[in-house]
């Protein structure tokens, strides 16, 4: 709208910090906004940049914002892609002899096999870098901010699809392999009374439960049918909607559950509403005993970088003060409740080749220095 370099389009995954202050500054100078989206702020910063070209305006806008972003822009046949300096959200570039493509996960490229767009090479868009692709297919990469890589740890446990690669390079391990390794590591730490079945809370916990069952030499049964007509309830902003969707999302197969001592494995417990529903379903189906395992360590701190839990008060591990007995009560009194440990998490990441820092602000907390908030990180090294 009135941009000197012509029309453009932007798509953004992430969450910006302190963006309302920037918005107020632009509005006070006469810039109009038409939504409550932080993505629109990036659009207006590009439009108002004094840079002499679109690619310079794009980078100029990103240098003014703080927070998590993986972003792709289209302008006059050229594609531009960039990641924040931490690389909190994933972004990959796929190439073949005549095309360049961007995706937030490598599994998107898998869908192109056998077509003219089949990808033959995959790499990550590096943190703090911008990749420009001309209409002729020429690729140029530049570093616009100093990289301090610390990708989101919750991505590996919950968000990313099992076929996706962790590193985006040939020979990299998959999300599925990490989750299996995580389940195996958790099984090493948990002491349970005799049980009959391991039940995953599908979909994201399926491979974690697979690893747990493998390590404990027990039977894995998909006894909680998961409706794929219902999306991820975790992302639903209204609690009443989350509760309704959770109720219709999972359907216990009671003939597989009745009279059985079960271990139910979920990827995490954030608010506790899904865990409460699952425990209730299993009780109604006649489970003789219920042992609940949350793979991810207790989520005690809010995330401001793209996860949908921005306040302390909605986190059951925070409101309970970390008291396991209190959390058991809140989720319907399973016979036992267990969390995966940070040690198990680090060990599983190391097993599949992840090294360096991982964002763990939701489990470790935040560092507030020099007027900025940064999530604390885990160091993953050879264990």
Protein backbone atom coordinates (compact mmCIF):
# COMPACT_ATOMS: atom_id res chain seq x y z
CA UNK A 1 0.00 0.00 0.00
CA UNK A 2 1.98 2.98 -1.30
CA UNK A 3 5.27 1.03 -1.09
CA UNK A 4 7.83 2.51 -3.44
CA UNK A 5 9.16 -0.91 -4.51
CA UNK A 6 5.78 -2.43 -5.47
CA UNK A 7 3.46 -5.08 -3.99
CA UNK A 8 4.78 -7.88 -1.80
CA UNK A 9 3.50 -10.72 0.40
CA UNK A 10 4.75 -12.00 3.77
CA UNK A 11 4.16 -15.18 5.79
CA UNK A 12 5.52 -15.49 9.33
CA UNK A 13 5.83 -18.25 11.94
CA UNK A 14 6.73 -17.08 15.44
CA UNK A 15 5.96 -14.34 17.92
CA UNK A 16 7.48 -10.87 18.27
CA UNK A 17 8.26 -9.25 21.63
CA UNK A 18 7.45 -5.64 22.47
CA UNK A 19 5.89 -5.11 19.07
CA UNK A 20 3.04 -2.95 20.34
CA UNK A 21 5.53 -0.21 21.22
CA UNK A 22 6.86 -0.23 17.67
CA UNK A 23 3.32 -0.21 16.35
CA UNK A 24 2.45 2.83 18.50
CA UNK A 25 5.49 4.65 17.16
CA UNK A 26 4.46 3.97 13.56
CA UNK A 27 0.83 4.92 14.18
CA UNK A 28 1.91 8.20 15.75
CA UNK A 29 3.75 8.99 12.52
CA UNK A 30 0.59 8.33 10.45
CA UNK A 31 1.00 4.65 9.47
CA UNK A 32 -2.32 2.78 9.36
CA UNK A 33 -2.77 -0.77 10.69
CA UNK A 34 -5.66 -3.05 9.72
CA UNK A 35 -5.21 -6.00 12.13
CA UNK A 36 -3.88 -6.98 15.55
CA UNK A 37 -1.19 -9.20 14.04
CA UNK A 38 2.51 -8.81 14.79
CA UNK A 39 3.12 -9.95 11.20
CA UNK A 40 1.52 -6.73 9.98
CA UNK A 41 4.14 -4.81 11.96
CA UNK A 42 6.85 -6.39 9.80
CA UNK A 43 4.88 -5.42 6.68
CA UNK A 44 4.60 -1.78 7.82
CA UNK A 45 8.30 -1.65 8.77
CA UNK A 46 9.19 -2.85 5.27
CA UNK A 47 6.87 -0.25 3.72
CA UNK A 48 8.30 2.63 5.76
CA UNK A 49 11.95 1.65 5.37
CA UNK A 50 14.18 4.17 3.63
CA UNK A 51 16.28 1.39 2.10
CA UNK A 52 16.89 1.60 -1.61
CA UNK A 53 15.70 -1.92 -2.50
CA UNK A 54 13.20 -4.49 -1.27
CA UNK A 55 15.84 -6.90 0.05
CA UNK A 56 17.44 -4.10 2.08
CA UNK A 57 14.02 -2.99 3.36
CA UNK A 58 13.26 -6.60 4.35
CA UNK A 59 16.46 -6.91 6.37
CA UNK A 60 16.04 -3.40 7.80
CA UNK A 61 12.60 -4.36 9.13
CA UNK A 62 13.89 -7.56 10.76
CA UNK A 63 16.72 -5.71 12.49
CA UNK A 64 14.11 -3.58 14.27
CA UNK A 65 12.11 -6.45 15.77
CA UNK A 66 12.82 -8.80 18.65
CA UNK A 67 11.50 -12.32 19.16
CA UNK A 68 10.93 -15.47 17.15
CA UNK A 69 10.42 -15.42 13.42
CA UNK A 70 10.83 -17.69 10.45
CA UNK A 71 9.60 -15.56 7.61
CA UNK A 72 9.20 -15.78 3.84
CA UNK A 73 8.42 -12.85 1.53
CA UNK A 74 7.55 -12.67 -2.16
CA UNK A 75 8.36 -9.57 -4.23
CA UNK A 76 8.35 -9.27 -8.03
CA UNK A 77 9.09 -12.94 -8.58
CA UNK A 78 11.88 -13.12 -6.01
CA UNK A 79 11.62 -15.10 -2.77
CA UNK A 80 13.20 -14.01 0.51
CA UNK A 81 13.46 -16.16 3.65
CA UNK A 82 14.94 -15.34 7.04
CA UNK A 83 15.23 -16.67 10.60
CA UNK A 84 15.77 -14.83 13.86
CA UNK A 85 19.30 -15.04 15.33
CA UNK A 86 18.27 -17.77 17.80
CA UNK A 87 16.60 -19.95 15.17
CA UNK A 88 13.70 -20.53 17.57
CA UNK A 89 11.39 -21.64 14.75
CA UNK A 90 12.56 -24.04 12.02
CA UNK A 91 12.93 -23.10 8.35
CA UNK A 92 14.41 -25.20 5.55
CA UNK A 93 15.39 -24.63 1.94
CA UNK A 94 14.95 -27.39 -0.63
CA UNK A 95 16.51 -27.36 -4.08
CA UNK A 96 16.47 -29.29 -7.32
CA UNK A 97 17.82 -28.52 -10.79
CA UNK A 98 15.11 -25.98 -11.60
CA UNK A 99 13.38 -24.87 -8.38
CA UNK A 100 14.01 -23.54 -4.86
CA UNK A 101 11.43 -24.12 -2.13
CA UNK A 102 11.04 -23.17 1.54
CA UNK A 103 9.22 -25.08 4.28
CA UNK A 104 9.04 -25.08 8.06
CA UNK A 105 9.62 -28.86 8.11
CA UNK A 106 11.39 -31.25 5.77
CA UNK A 107 8.35 -33.57 5.62
CA UNK A 108 6.73 -31.00 3.30
CA UNK A 109 9.41 -31.79 0.72
CA UNK A 110 8.64 -35.53 1.01
CA UNK A 111 5.24 -34.90 -0.56
CA UNK A 112 6.95 -33.78 -3.77
CA UNK A 113 8.68 -37.10 -4.46
CA UNK A 114 7.97 -38.38 -7.94
CA UNK A 115 6.97 -34.94 -9.21
CA UNK A 116 8.88 -32.32 -11.19
CA UNK A 117 9.41 -30.45 -7.90
CA UNK A 118 11.11 -33.36 -6.12
CA UNK A 119 13.81 -31.94 -3.85
CA UNK A 120 17.34 -33.33 -4.15
CA UNK A 121 19.08 -31.16 -1.56
CA UNK A 122 17.90 -29.82 1.81
CA UNK A 123 19.56 -27.33 4.15
CA UNK A 124 18.53 -25.16 7.05
CA UNK A 125 18.11 -21.44 6.66
CA UNK A 126 20.73 -20.46 9.23
CA UNK A 127 19.76 -18.37 12.28
CA UNK A 128 20.24 -14.66 11.71
CA UNK A 129 20.50 -15.09 7.95
CA UNK A 130 18.45 -14.06 4.91
CA UNK A 131 18.25 -16.11 1.71
CA UNK A 132 17.23 -14.41 -1.53
CA UNK A 133 16.14 -16.36 -4.61
CA UNK A 134 15.88 -14.50 -7.92
CA UNK A 135 13.28 -15.36 -10.60
CA UNK A 136 16.13 -17.07 -12.50
CA UNK A 137 16.79 -19.36 -9.52
CA UNK A 138 20.00 -17.74 -8.29
CA UNK A 139 20.38 -18.13 -4.51
CA UNK A 140 22.15 -15.54 -2.36
CA UNK A 141 22.58 -15.85 1.41
CA UNK A 142 23.68 -13.13 3.82
CA UNK A 143 24.12 -12.95 7.57
CA UNK A 144 22.23 -9.89 8.84
CA UNK A 145 22.53 -10.61 12.59
CA UNK A 146 25.08 -12.48 14.70
CA UNK A 147 23.74 -16.03 15.16
CA UNK A 148 23.18 -17.37 18.69
CA UNK A 149 21.46 -20.68 17.86
CA UNK A 150 19.08 -22.10 20.46
CA UNK A 151 16.12 -23.74 18.67
CA UNK A 152 12.92 -24.44 20.61
CA UNK A 153 13.05 -27.75 22.48
CA UNK A 154 9.27 -28.13 22.49
CA UNK A 155 9.34 -28.33 18.68
CA UNK A 156 11.06 -31.74 18.86
CA UNK A 157 8.64 -33.20 21.41
CA UNK A 158 5.33 -31.83 20.16
CA UNK A 159 5.11 -29.66 17.08
CA UNK A 160 7.24 -31.23 14.37
CA UNK A 161 6.01 -34.15 12.29
CA UNK A 162 7.71 -37.55 12.88
CA UNK A 163 9.13 -37.89 9.32
CA UNK A 164 10.82 -34.48 9.48
CA UNK A 165 14.59 -34.34 9.77
CA UNK A 166 16.17 -32.72 12.80
CA UNK A 167 19.04 -31.06 10.97
CA UNK A 168 17.80 -30.79 7.41
CA UNK A 169 20.91 -32.37 5.88
CA UNK A 170 21.69 -35.72 4.26
CA UNK A 171 22.06 -38.42 6.87
CA UNK A 172 20.22 -36.45 9.57
CA UNK A 173 18.00 -38.30 12.02
CA UNK A 174 14.25 -37.90 12.13
CA UNK A 175 11.89 -36.54 14.79
CA UNK A 176 10.51 -40.08 15.12
CA UNK A 177 13.97 -41.43 16.02
CA UNK A 178 14.44 -38.71 18.64
CA UNK A 179 11.07 -39.49 20.23
CA UNK A 180 11.77 -43.23 20.33
CA UNK A 181 15.12 -42.52 22.00
CA UNK A 182 13.38 -40.18 24.48
CA UNK A 183 10.91 -42.91 25.44
CA UNK A 184 13.78 -45.36 25.95
CA UNK A 185 15.63 -42.90 28.18
CA UNK A 186 12.52 -42.20 30.27
CA UNK A 187 12.00 -45.95 30.79
CA UNK A 188 15.47 -46.17 32.36
CA UNK A 189 14.44 -43.74 35.11
CA UNK A 190 10.90 -44.72 36.06
CA UNK A 191 10.12 -47.53 38.48
CA UNK A 192 6.57 -48.84 38.06
CA UNK A 193 4.56 -51.67 39.58
CA UNK A 194 3.58 -54.47 37.18
CA UNK A 195 1.45 -53.29 34.24
CA UNK A 196 -0.18 -54.84 31.19
CA UNK A 197 -0.22 -52.20 28.43
CA UNK A 198 1.49 -49.02 27.26
CA UNK A 199 -1.01 -46.62 25.66
CA UNK A 200 0.11 -43.52 23.73
CA UNK A 201 -1.88 -40.30 23.64
CA UNK A 202 -1.81 -39.94 19.86
CA UNK A 203 -0.44 -38.45 17.75
CA UNK A 204 2.66 -36.73 19.10
CA UNK A 205 3.34 -39.23 21.92
CA UNK A 206 3.11 -42.29 19.69
CA UNK A 207 6.83 -42.70 19.05
CA UNK A 208 7.75 -41.79 22.65
CA UNK A 209 5.43 -44.56 23.87
CA UNK A 210 6.98 -46.87 21.27
CA UNK A 211 10.43 -46.29 22.78
CA UNK A 212 9.09 -46.71 26.32
CA UNK A 213 7.39 -50.00 25.44
CA UNK A 214 10.50 -51.24 23.64
CA UNK A 215 12.75 -50.47 26.61
CA UNK A 216 10.36 -52.08 29.11
CA UNK A 217 9.63 -55.07 26.83
CA UNK A 218 5.93 -54.42 27.18
CA UNK A 219 2.90 -54.37 24.87
CA UNK A 220 2.09 -51.15 23.04
CA UNK A 221 -1.61 -50.73 22.19
CA UNK A 222 -3.34 -47.76 20.54
CA UNK A 223 -6.31 -48.02 22.89
CA UNK A 224 -7.17 -44.31 22.70
CA UNK A 225 -8.53 -43.79 19.22
CA UNK A 226 -7.61 -40.33 17.95
CA UNK A 227 -10.05 -38.54 15.62
CA UNK A 228 -8.21 -36.75 12.83
CA UNK A 229 -11.19 -34.50 12.24
CA UNK A 230 -10.03 -32.56 15.32
CA UNK A 231 -6.83 -30.52 15.16
CA UNK A 232 -4.37 -29.63 17.90
CA UNK A 233 -6.44 -28.55 20.90
CA UNK A 234 -3.31 -27.11 22.55
CA UNK A 235 -3.45 -24.18 20.09
CA UNK A 236 -7.14 -23.38 20.72
CA UNK A 237 -7.20 -20.01 22.57
CA UNK A 238 -10.49 -20.46 24.48
CA UNK A 239 -10.57 -22.95 27.37
CA UNK A 240 -14.21 -23.97 26.80
CA UNK A 241 -13.39 -24.79 23.17
CA UNK A 242 -10.30 -26.76 24.22
CA UNK A 243 -12.35 -28.86 26.64
CA UNK A 244 -15.01 -29.65 24.03
CA UNK A 245 -12.46 -30.59 21.37
CA UNK A 246 -10.48 -32.72 23.81
CA UNK A 247 -13.68 -34.60 24.67
CA UNK A 248 -14.34 -35.58 21.05
CA UNK A 249 -10.69 -35.95 20.02
CA UNK A 250 -9.96 -39.23 21.85
CA UNK A 251 -12.24 -42.23 22.12
CA UNK A 252 -11.17 -45.10 24.44
CA UNK A 253 -11.48 -48.63 23.08
CA UNK A 254 -12.85 -50.08 26.28
CA UNK A 255 -12.54 -53.76 25.25
CA UNK A 256 -8.76 -53.25 25.13
CA UNK A 257 -8.64 -51.31 28.42
CA UNK A 258 -11.13 -52.96 30.81
CA UNK A 259 -9.39 -54.73 33.68
CA UNK A 260 -5.90 -53.78 32.45
CA UNK A 261 -3.14 -51.99 34.35
CA UNK A 262 -2.05 -49.32 31.90
CA UNK A 263 0.81 -46.88 31.43
CA UNK A 264 -0.41 -43.92 29.41
CA UNK A 265 2.31 -41.81 27.76
CA UNK A 266 1.75 -38.22 26.61
CA UNK A 267 4.25 -35.78 25.14
CA UNK A 268 3.71 -33.20 27.91
CA UNK A 269 1.37 -31.76 30.50
CA UNK A 270 0.89 -28.01 30.01
CA UNK A 271 -2.50 -26.91 31.35
CA UNK A 272 -3.56 -30.37 32.49
CA UNK A 273 -6.88 -30.42 30.64
CA UNK A 274 -5.91 -33.16 28.15
CA UNK A 275 -4.39 -35.30 30.92
CA UNK A 276 -7.57 -34.89 32.98
CA UNK A 277 -9.73 -36.04 30.06
CA UNK A 278 -7.48 -39.02 29.30
CA UNK A 279 -7.45 -40.21 32.91
CA UNK A 280 -11.26 -39.88 33.01
CA UNK A 281 -11.65 -41.83 29.76
CA UNK A 282 -9.47 -44.66 31.04
CA UNK A 283 -11.34 -44.82 34.36
CA UNK A 284 -14.69 -44.98 32.55
CA UNK A 285 -13.32 -47.73 30.30
CA UNK A 286 -12.53 -49.85 33.37
CA UNK A 287 -8.72 -49.63 33.65
CA UNK A 288 -7.56 -51.48 36.76
CA UNK A 289 -4.66 -49.05 37.30
CA UNK A 290 -3.46 -45.91 35.52
CA UNK A 291 0.16 -44.76 35.49
CA UNK A 292 0.58 -41.42 33.69
CA UNK A 293 3.89 -40.49 32.06
CA UNK A 294 4.57 -37.00 30.70
CA UNK A 295 7.67 -37.18 28.52
CA UNK A 296 8.55 -33.49 28.65
CA UNK A 297 9.72 -32.16 32.03
CA UNK A 298 7.31 -29.91 33.98
CA UNK A 299 6.35 -26.76 32.04
CA UNK A 300 6.63 -24.12 34.78
CA UNK A 301 7.27 -20.95 32.82
CA UNK A 302 5.38 -19.13 30.06
CA UNK A 303 6.73 -18.84 26.53
CA UNK A 304 6.75 -15.51 24.67
CA UNK A 305 8.37 -16.86 21.51
CA UNK A 306 5.57 -18.69 19.73
CA UNK A 307 4.19 -21.39 22.06
CA UNK A 308 0.60 -20.77 23.09
CA UNK A 309 1.07 -20.45 26.87
CA UNK A 310 1.99 -16.83 27.61
CA UNK A 311 1.04 -16.67 31.34
CA UNK A 312 2.10 -18.50 34.51
CA UNK A 313 -1.45 -18.97 35.74
CA UNK A 314 -2.43 -21.41 32.99
CA UNK A 315 0.50 -23.79 33.68
CA UNK A 316 -0.41 -26.58 36.07
CA UNK A 317 3.23 -27.23 37.06
CA UNK A 318 3.47 -23.57 38.13
CA UNK A 319 0.13 -23.22 39.95
CA UNK A 320 0.81 -26.45 41.84
CA UNK A 321 4.26 -25.28 42.92
CA UNK A 322 5.66 -28.39 41.24
CA UNK A 323 3.94 -30.66 43.78
CA UNK A 324 3.37 -34.00 42.02
CA UNK A 325 0.59 -35.02 44.45
CA UNK A 326 -1.27 -31.79 43.69
CA UNK A 327 -0.94 -32.31 39.92
CA UNK A 328 -2.19 -35.91 40.34
CA UNK A 329 -5.28 -34.58 42.08
CA UNK A 330 -5.87 -31.95 39.38
CA UNK A 331 -5.72 -34.45 36.52
CA UNK A 332 -8.04 -36.99 38.12
CA UNK A 333 -5.88 -39.08 40.46
CA UNK A 334 -3.95 -41.51 38.24
CA UNK A 335 -2.33 -44.15 40.45
CA UNK A 336 1.09 -42.66 39.72
CA UNK A 337 2.39 -39.64 37.80
CA UNK A 338 5.85 -39.35 36.30
CA UNK A 339 7.72 -36.75 34.26
CA UNK A 340 10.64 -37.30 31.94
CA UNK A 341 13.81 -35.71 33.26
CA UNK A 342 16.13 -33.13 31.76
CA UNK A 343 18.81 -35.83 31.73
CA UNK A 344 16.61 -38.12 29.61
CA UNK A 345 15.75 -35.27 27.26
CA UNK A 346 19.39 -34.26 26.76
CA UNK A 347 20.47 -37.87 26.30
CA UNK A 348 17.83 -38.47 23.60
CA UNK A 349 18.85 -35.31 21.73
CA UNK A 350 22.51 -36.35 21.89
CA UNK A 351 21.62 -39.84 20.64
CA UNK A 352 20.26 -38.43 17.39
CA UNK A 353 23.13 -36.03 16.84
CA UNK A 354 21.81 -32.74 18.24
CA UNK A 355 24.58 -30.61 19.76
CA UNK A 356 24.80 -27.08 21.15
CA UNK A 357 22.18 -25.00 22.93
CA UNK A 358 18.46 -25.78 23.00
CA UNK A 359 15.84 -23.28 24.20
CA UNK A 360 14.35 -24.59 27.45
CA UNK A 361 12.78 -21.44 28.84
CA UNK A 362 9.45 -23.17 29.54
CA UNK A 363 11.12 -25.65 31.90
CA UNK A 364 14.13 -23.67 33.21
CA UNK A 365 12.84 -20.09 33.22
CA UNK A 366 14.02 -16.78 31.82
CA UNK A 367 16.99 -14.48 32.25
CA UNK A 368 16.15 -10.80 32.60
CA UNK A 369 19.27 -8.74 32.00
CA UNK A 370 19.89 -5.35 30.43
CA UNK A 371 16.16 -4.79 30.04
CA UNK A 372 15.61 -7.83 27.83
CA UNK A 373 14.05 -11.23 28.49
CA UNK A 374 15.85 -14.31 27.20
CA UNK A 375 14.84 -17.95 27.79
CA UNK A 376 17.37 -20.15 29.54
CA UNK A 377 18.96 -22.90 27.44
CA UNK A 378 20.19 -26.45 27.79
CA UNK A 379 23.60 -27.47 26.53
CA UNK A 380 23.52 -30.74 24.61
CA UNK A 381 26.90 -32.41 24.24
CA UNK A 382 28.28 -35.94 24.01
CA UNK A 383 27.04 -37.76 27.12
